[in-house]
Amino acid sequence: MFFLVSLCDNSDIKNIFMVIVNIIKLFCFFAPILAIIFITIDFGKIVVGNPDDARKEVSLVIKRLIYCVAVFLVPYVVSFVIHVIRDSGIPVSSCFTYDKAKNNIKEKSK
């Protein structure tokens, strides 16, 4: 358990967490945009294509929407799990939370 508490004392680990947070932010930004583009293409295939394939294309659109929502919610789910672990009495360093890592990035950019 002590490993989880003292892990963020190392500046290299903090930098890795900041890179991971930036990657997650990029995914959260580009996921809806890419979903809109691909869903538009899929609806174009439905309109132009064979009516028998329409059911398969609609299921693909629904899957893409679910994937987009899942990617968008990952930071919040991870933060919630860390807060639950911390509230249960297990000591966890604050750098594991998404909000703390986001604040570290803002402080570093100043």
N, C-alpha and C. Protein backbone atom coordinates (compact mmCIF):
# COMPACT_ATOMS: atom_id res chain seq x y z
N MET A 1 0.81 -1.20 0.00
CA MET A 1 0.00 0.00 0.00
C MET A 1 0.85 1.26 0.00
N PHE A 2 2.00 1.20 0.67
CA PHE A 2 2.83 2.40 0.72
C PHE A 2 3.28 2.82 -0.67
N PHE A 3 3.37 1.86 -1.57
CA PHE A 3 3.76 2.15 -2.96
C PHE A 3 2.79 3.12 -3.62
N LEU A 4 1.50 2.94 -3.37
CA LEU A 4 0.50 3.83 -3.97
C LEU A 4 0.57 5.23 -3.40
N VAL A 5 0.99 5.36 -2.14
CA VAL A 5 1.04 6.68 -1.51
C VAL A 5 2.27 7.44 -1.98
N SER A 6 3.41 6.77 -2.07
CA SER A 6 4.66 7.47 -2.37
C SER A 6 5.00 7.47 -3.86
N LEU A 7 4.15 6.95 -4.68
CA LEU A 7 4.45 6.83 -6.10
C LEU A 7 4.63 8.18 -6.77
N CYS A 8 3.85 9.16 -6.39
CA CYS A 8 3.89 10.46 -7.06
C CYS A 8 4.97 11.38 -6.53
N ASP A 9 5.78 10.92 -5.59
CA ASP A 9 6.90 11.73 -5.13
C ASP A 9 7.99 11.80 -6.20
N ASN A 10 8.02 10.84 -7.09
CA ASN A 10 8.99 10.79 -8.17
C ASN A 10 8.50 11.70 -9.30
N SER A 11 9.34 12.63 -9.74
CA SER A 11 8.93 13.57 -10.77
C SER A 11 8.73 12.89 -12.13
N ASP A 12 9.45 11.80 -12.38
CA ASP A 12 9.27 11.08 -13.64
C ASP A 12 7.88 10.46 -13.71
N ILE A 13 7.42 9.93 -12.59
CA ILE A 13 6.08 9.34 -12.55
C ILE A 13 5.03 10.43 -12.75
N LYS A 14 5.25 11.59 -12.15
CA LYS A 14 4.32 12.71 -12.35
C LYS A 14 4.25 13.09 -13.82
N ASN A 15 5.39 13.12 -14.48
CA ASN A 15 5.42 13.47 -15.91
C ASN A 15 4.69 12.43 -16.74
N ILE A 16 4.83 11.16 -16.38
CA ILE A 16 4.12 10.11 -17.10
C ILE A 16 2.62 10.28 -16.93
N PHE A 17 2.19 10.59 -15.70
CA PHE A 17 0.76 10.81 -15.46
C PHE A 17 0.25 12.01 -16.25
N MET A 18 1.06 13.06 -16.37
CA MET A 18 0.62 14.23 -17.12
C MET A 18 0.50 13.90 -18.61
N VAL A 19 1.40 13.08 -19.13
CA VAL A 19 1.29 12.66 -20.53
C VAL A 19 0.03 11.82 -20.73
N ILE A 20 -0.25 10.93 -19.79
CA ILE A 20 -1.46 10.11 -19.89
C ILE A 20 -2.71 10.98 -19.85
N VAL A 21 -2.73 11.99 -18.99
CA VAL A 21 -3.88 12.89 -18.91
C VAL A 21 -4.04 13.65 -20.23
N ASN A 22 -2.94 14.08 -20.82
CA ASN A 22 -3.03 14.78 -22.11
C ASN A 22 -3.57 13.87 -23.21
N ILE A 23 -3.15 12.62 -23.20
CA ILE A 23 -3.65 11.66 -24.19
C ILE A 23 -5.14 11.43 -24.00
N ILE A 24 -5.57 11.30 -22.76
CA ILE A 24 -6.99 11.11 -22.48
C ILE A 24 -7.79 12.33 -22.93
N LYS A 25 -7.24 13.53 -22.69
CA LYS A 25 -7.93 14.74 -23.14
C LYS A 25 -8.06 14.78 -24.66
N LEU A 26 -7.02 14.34 -25.36
CA LEU A 26 -7.09 14.28 -26.82
C LEU A 26 -8.15 13.29 -27.29
N PHE A 27 -8.19 12.11 -26.65
CA PHE A 27 -9.22 11.13 -26.99
C PHE A 27 -10.61 11.70 -26.76
N CYS A 28 -10.78 12.39 -25.63
CA CYS A 28 -12.09 12.96 -25.32
C CYS A 28 -12.47 14.06 -26.30
N PHE A 29 -11.48 14.72 -26.88
CA PHE A 29 -11.77 15.76 -27.86
C PHE A 29 -12.08 15.17 -29.23
N PHE A 30 -11.27 14.20 -29.65
CA PHE A 30 -11.41 13.67 -31.00
C PHE A 30 -12.45 12.56 -31.14
N ALA A 31 -12.80 11.90 -30.07
CA ALA A 31 -13.76 10.79 -30.16
C ALA A 31 -15.12 11.25 -30.70
N PRO A 32 -15.71 12.33 -30.18
CA PRO A 32 -17.00 12.75 -30.75
C PRO A 32 -16.89 13.21 -32.20
N ILE A 33 -15.79 13.87 -32.53
CA ILE A 33 -15.61 14.35 -33.91
C ILE A 33 -15.51 13.17 -34.87
N LEU A 34 -14.66 12.20 -34.51
CA LEU A 34 -14.53 11.02 -35.37
C LEU A 34 -15.83 10.21 -35.42
N ALA A 35 -16.54 10.15 -34.31
CA ALA A 35 -17.81 9.43 -34.30
C ALA A 35 -18.81 10.08 -35.25
N ILE A 36 -18.88 11.39 -35.24
CA ILE A 36 -19.79 12.09 -36.15
C ILE A 36 -19.41 11.82 -37.60
N ILE A 37 -18.12 11.87 -37.91
CA ILE A 37 -17.67 11.62 -39.28
C ILE A 37 -18.01 10.20 -39.72
N PHE A 38 -17.66 9.21 -38.89
CA PHE A 38 -17.91 7.82 -39.28
C PHE A 38 -19.40 7.49 -39.31
N ILE A 39 -20.18 8.07 -38.41
CA ILE A 39 -21.62 7.82 -38.42
C ILE A 39 -22.26 8.43 -39.65
N THR A 40 -21.78 9.60 -40.07
CA THR A 40 -22.28 10.21 -41.30
C THR A 40 -21.98 9.32 -42.50
N ILE A 41 -20.78 8.78 -42.54
CA ILE A 41 -20.42 7.86 -43.63
C ILE A 41 -21.31 6.62 -43.60
N ASP A 42 -21.55 6.09 -42.40
CA ASP A 42 -22.39 4.90 -42.27
C ASP A 42 -23.83 5.19 -42.72
N PHE A 43 -24.36 6.34 -42.35
CA PHE A 43 -25.71 6.68 -42.80
C PHE A 43 -25.76 6.87 -44.32
N GLY A 44 -24.68 7.39 -44.89
CA GLY A 44 -24.60 7.48 -46.35
C GLY A 44 -24.62 6.11 -46.99
N LYS A 45 -23.94 5.14 -46.39
CA LYS A 45 -23.97 3.77 -46.90
C LYS A 45 -25.37 3.18 -46.79
N ILE A 46 -26.07 3.52 -45.72
CA ILE A 46 -27.43 3.00 -45.54
C ILE A 46 -28.35 3.54 -46.63
N VAL A 47 -28.23 4.85 -46.91
CA VAL A 47 -29.12 5.48 -47.90
C VAL A 47 -28.82 4.97 -49.30
N VAL A 48 -27.55 4.85 -49.65
CA VAL A 48 -27.16 4.47 -51.01
C VAL A 48 -27.18 2.96 -51.20
N GLY A 49 -26.89 2.22 -50.15
CA GLY A 49 -26.66 0.79 -50.27
C GLY A 49 -27.91 -0.06 -50.34
N ASN A 50 -27.67 -1.32 -50.20
CA ASN A 50 -28.69 -2.35 -50.26
C ASN A 50 -29.55 -2.30 -48.99
N PRO A 51 -30.87 -2.36 -49.11
CA PRO A 51 -31.73 -2.32 -47.91
C PRO A 51 -31.51 -3.50 -46.97
N ASP A 52 -31.01 -4.61 -47.50
CA ASP A 52 -30.76 -5.77 -46.64
C ASP A 52 -29.60 -5.53 -45.68
N ASP A 53 -28.66 -4.70 -46.08
CA ASP A 53 -27.51 -4.40 -45.23
C ASP A 53 -27.78 -3.27 -44.25
N ALA A 54 -28.94 -2.65 -44.31
CA ALA A 54 -29.24 -1.50 -43.46
C ALA A 54 -29.23 -1.87 -41.98
N ARG A 55 -29.74 -3.03 -41.65
CA ARG A 55 -29.78 -3.45 -40.24
C ARG A 55 -28.36 -3.59 -39.67
N LYS A 56 -27.46 -4.14 -40.48
CA LYS A 56 -26.08 -4.31 -40.04
C LYS A 56 -25.40 -2.94 -39.87
N GLU A 57 -25.69 -2.02 -40.78
CA GLU A 57 -25.09 -0.69 -40.70
C GLU A 57 -25.62 0.09 -39.49
N VAL A 58 -26.90 -0.06 -39.20
CA VAL A 58 -27.47 0.63 -38.03
C VAL A 58 -26.86 0.08 -36.75
N SER A 59 -26.65 -1.22 -36.68
CA SER A 59 -26.01 -1.78 -35.49
C SER A 59 -24.58 -1.28 -35.35
N LEU A 60 -23.90 -1.07 -36.47
CA LEU A 60 -22.55 -0.51 -36.43
C LEU A 60 -22.58 0.94 -35.92
N VAL A 61 -23.57 1.70 -36.32
CA VAL A 61 -23.72 3.08 -35.84
C VAL A 61 -23.94 3.09 -34.34
N ILE A 62 -24.78 2.20 -33.85
CA ILE A 62 -25.05 2.14 -32.41
C ILE A 62 -23.79 1.75 -31.65
N LYS A 63 -23.03 0.80 -32.17
CA LYS A 63 -21.78 0.41 -31.52
C LYS A 63 -20.79 1.57 -31.47
N ARG A 64 -20.72 2.32 -32.54
CA ARG A 64 -19.79 3.47 -32.56
C ARG A 64 -20.21 4.53 -31.54
N LEU A 65 -21.49 4.74 -31.39
CA LEU A 65 -21.95 5.69 -30.39
C LEU A 65 -21.61 5.22 -28.98
N ILE A 66 -21.78 3.93 -28.74
CA ILE A 66 -21.45 3.38 -27.42
C ILE A 66 -19.96 3.51 -27.15
N TYR A 67 -19.12 3.23 -28.14
CA TYR A 67 -17.67 3.36 -27.97
C TYR A 67 -17.28 4.81 -27.70
N CYS A 68 -17.93 5.73 -28.38
CA CYS A 68 -17.64 7.15 -28.19
C CYS A 68 -17.97 7.58 -26.76
N VAL A 69 -19.11 7.18 -26.28
CA VAL A 69 -19.52 7.53 -24.92
C VAL A 69 -18.57 6.88 -23.91
N ALA A 70 -18.16 5.64 -24.16
CA ALA A 70 -17.25 4.96 -23.25
C ALA A 70 -15.90 5.67 -23.17
N VAL A 71 -15.37 6.08 -24.30
CA VAL A 71 -14.09 6.80 -24.31
C VAL A 71 -14.23 8.13 -23.59
N PHE A 72 -15.34 8.78 -23.77
CA PHE A 72 -15.56 10.08 -23.15
C PHE A 72 -15.68 9.96 -21.63
N LEU A 73 -16.21 8.85 -21.13
CA LEU A 73 -16.45 8.68 -19.70
C LEU A 73 -15.29 8.05 -18.93
N VAL A 74 -14.27 7.57 -19.61
CA VAL A 74 -13.16 6.88 -18.94
C VAL A 74 -12.52 7.74 -17.83
N PRO A 75 -12.17 9.00 -18.06
CA PRO A 75 -11.54 9.77 -16.97
C PRO A 75 -12.42 9.90 -15.74
N TYR A 76 -13.71 10.06 -15.95
CA TYR A 76 -14.62 10.23 -14.83
C TYR A 76 -14.82 8.92 -14.06
N VAL A 77 -14.84 7.82 -14.76
CA VAL A 77 -14.97 6.51 -14.10
C VAL A 77 -13.71 6.21 -13.28
N VAL A 78 -12.55 6.46 -13.84
CA VAL A 78 -11.30 6.23 -13.12
C VAL A 78 -11.23 7.11 -11.87
N SER A 79 -11.59 8.37 -12.01
CA SER A 79 -11.60 9.28 -10.87
C SER A 79 -12.58 8.80 -9.80
N PHE A 80 -13.74 8.34 -10.20
CA PHE A 80 -14.73 7.84 -9.25
C PHE A 80 -14.20 6.62 -8.50
N VAL A 81 -13.57 5.70 -9.22
CA VAL A 81 -13.02 4.49 -8.57
C VAL A 81 -11.94 4.86 -7.57
N ILE A 82 -11.07 5.79 -7.92
CA ILE A 82 -10.01 6.22 -7.01
C ILE A 82 -10.61 6.88 -5.78
N HIS A 83 -11.65 7.69 -5.95
CA HIS A 83 -12.31 8.32 -4.79
C HIS A 83 -12.96 7.27 -3.90
N VAL A 84 -13.56 6.25 -4.48
CA VAL A 84 -14.17 5.19 -3.68
C VAL A 84 -13.10 4.44 -2.90
N ILE A 85 -11.97 4.16 -3.55
CA ILE A 85 -10.88 3.46 -2.86
C ILE A 85 -10.35 4.33 -1.72
N ARG A 86 -10.19 5.61 -1.98
CA ARG A 86 -9.68 6.51 -0.95
C ARG A 86 -10.68 6.63 0.20
N ASP A 87 -11.97 6.70 -0.10
CA ASP A 87 -12.98 6.81 0.95
C ASP A 87 -13.11 5.54 1.77
N SER A 88 -12.68 4.41 1.23
CA SER A 88 -12.75 3.16 1.98
C SER A 88 -11.62 3.04 3.00
N GLY A 89 -10.70 4.00 3.00
CA GLY A 89 -9.64 4.00 3.99
C GLY A 89 -8.29 3.58 3.47
N ILE A 90 -8.21 3.18 2.22
CA ILE A 90 -6.93 2.79 1.64
C ILE A 90 -6.22 4.06 1.18
N PRO A 91 -5.00 4.30 1.67
CA PRO A 91 -4.31 5.53 1.27
C PRO A 91 -3.86 5.46 -0.19
N VAL A 92 -4.28 6.45 -0.96
CA VAL A 92 -3.92 6.54 -2.37
C VAL A 92 -3.43 7.96 -2.61
N SER A 93 -2.34 8.07 -3.33
CA SER A 93 -1.79 9.39 -3.62
C SER A 93 -2.76 10.19 -4.46
N SER A 94 -2.73 11.50 -4.30
CA SER A 94 -3.67 12.35 -5.01
C SER A 94 -3.34 12.48 -6.49
N CYS A 95 -2.17 12.05 -6.92
CA CYS A 95 -1.85 12.16 -8.35
C CYS A 95 -2.59 11.13 -9.18
N PHE A 96 -3.25 10.15 -8.54
CA PHE A 96 -4.03 9.17 -9.27
C PHE A 96 -5.37 9.72 -9.72
N THR A 97 -5.78 10.83 -9.17
CA THR A 97 -7.08 11.37 -9.57
C THR A 97 -6.89 12.24 -10.80
N TYR A 98 -7.88 12.23 -11.65
CA TYR A 98 -7.83 12.97 -12.91
C TYR A 98 -7.78 14.46 -12.64
N ASP A 99 -8.54 14.94 -11.65
CA ASP A 99 -8.58 16.37 -11.36
C ASP A 99 -7.22 16.88 -10.88
N LYS A 100 -6.56 16.11 -10.03
CA LYS A 100 -5.26 16.52 -9.51
C LYS A 100 -4.22 16.55 -10.63
N ALA A 101 -4.22 15.56 -11.49
CA ALA A 101 -3.28 15.55 -12.61
C ALA A 101 -3.55 16.71 -13.55
N LYS A 102 -4.83 17.03 -13.74
CA LYS A 102 -5.18 18.15 -14.60
C LYS A 102 -4.68 19.46 -13.99
N ASN A 103 -4.79 19.62 -12.67
CA ASN A 103 -4.30 20.81 -12.01
C ASN A 103 -2.78 20.90 -12.08
N ASN A 104 -2.09 19.75 -11.99
CA ASN A 104 -0.63 19.75 -12.11
C ASN A 104 -0.19 20.23 -13.49
N ILE A 105 -0.94 19.86 -14.51
CA ILE A 105 -0.62 20.31 -15.86
C ILE A 105 -0.78 21.82 -15.97
N LYS A 106 -1.86 22.35 -15.40
CA LYS A 106 -2.08 23.79 -15.44
C LYS A 106 -0.98 24.54 -14.70
N GLU A 107 -0.56 24.02 -13.55
CA GLU A 107 0.50 24.67 -12.79
C GLU A 107 1.82 24.63 -13.54
N LYS A 108 2.10 23.53 -14.20
CA LYS A 108 3.35 23.37 -14.92
C LYS A 108 3.42 24.29 -16.15
N SER A 109 2.27 24.58 -16.76
CA SER A 109 2.26 25.40 -17.96
C SER A 109 2.41 26.88 -17.65
N LYS A 110 2.26 27.26 -16.39
CA LYS A 110 2.39 28.70 -16.02
C LYS A 110 3.82 29.12 -15.94
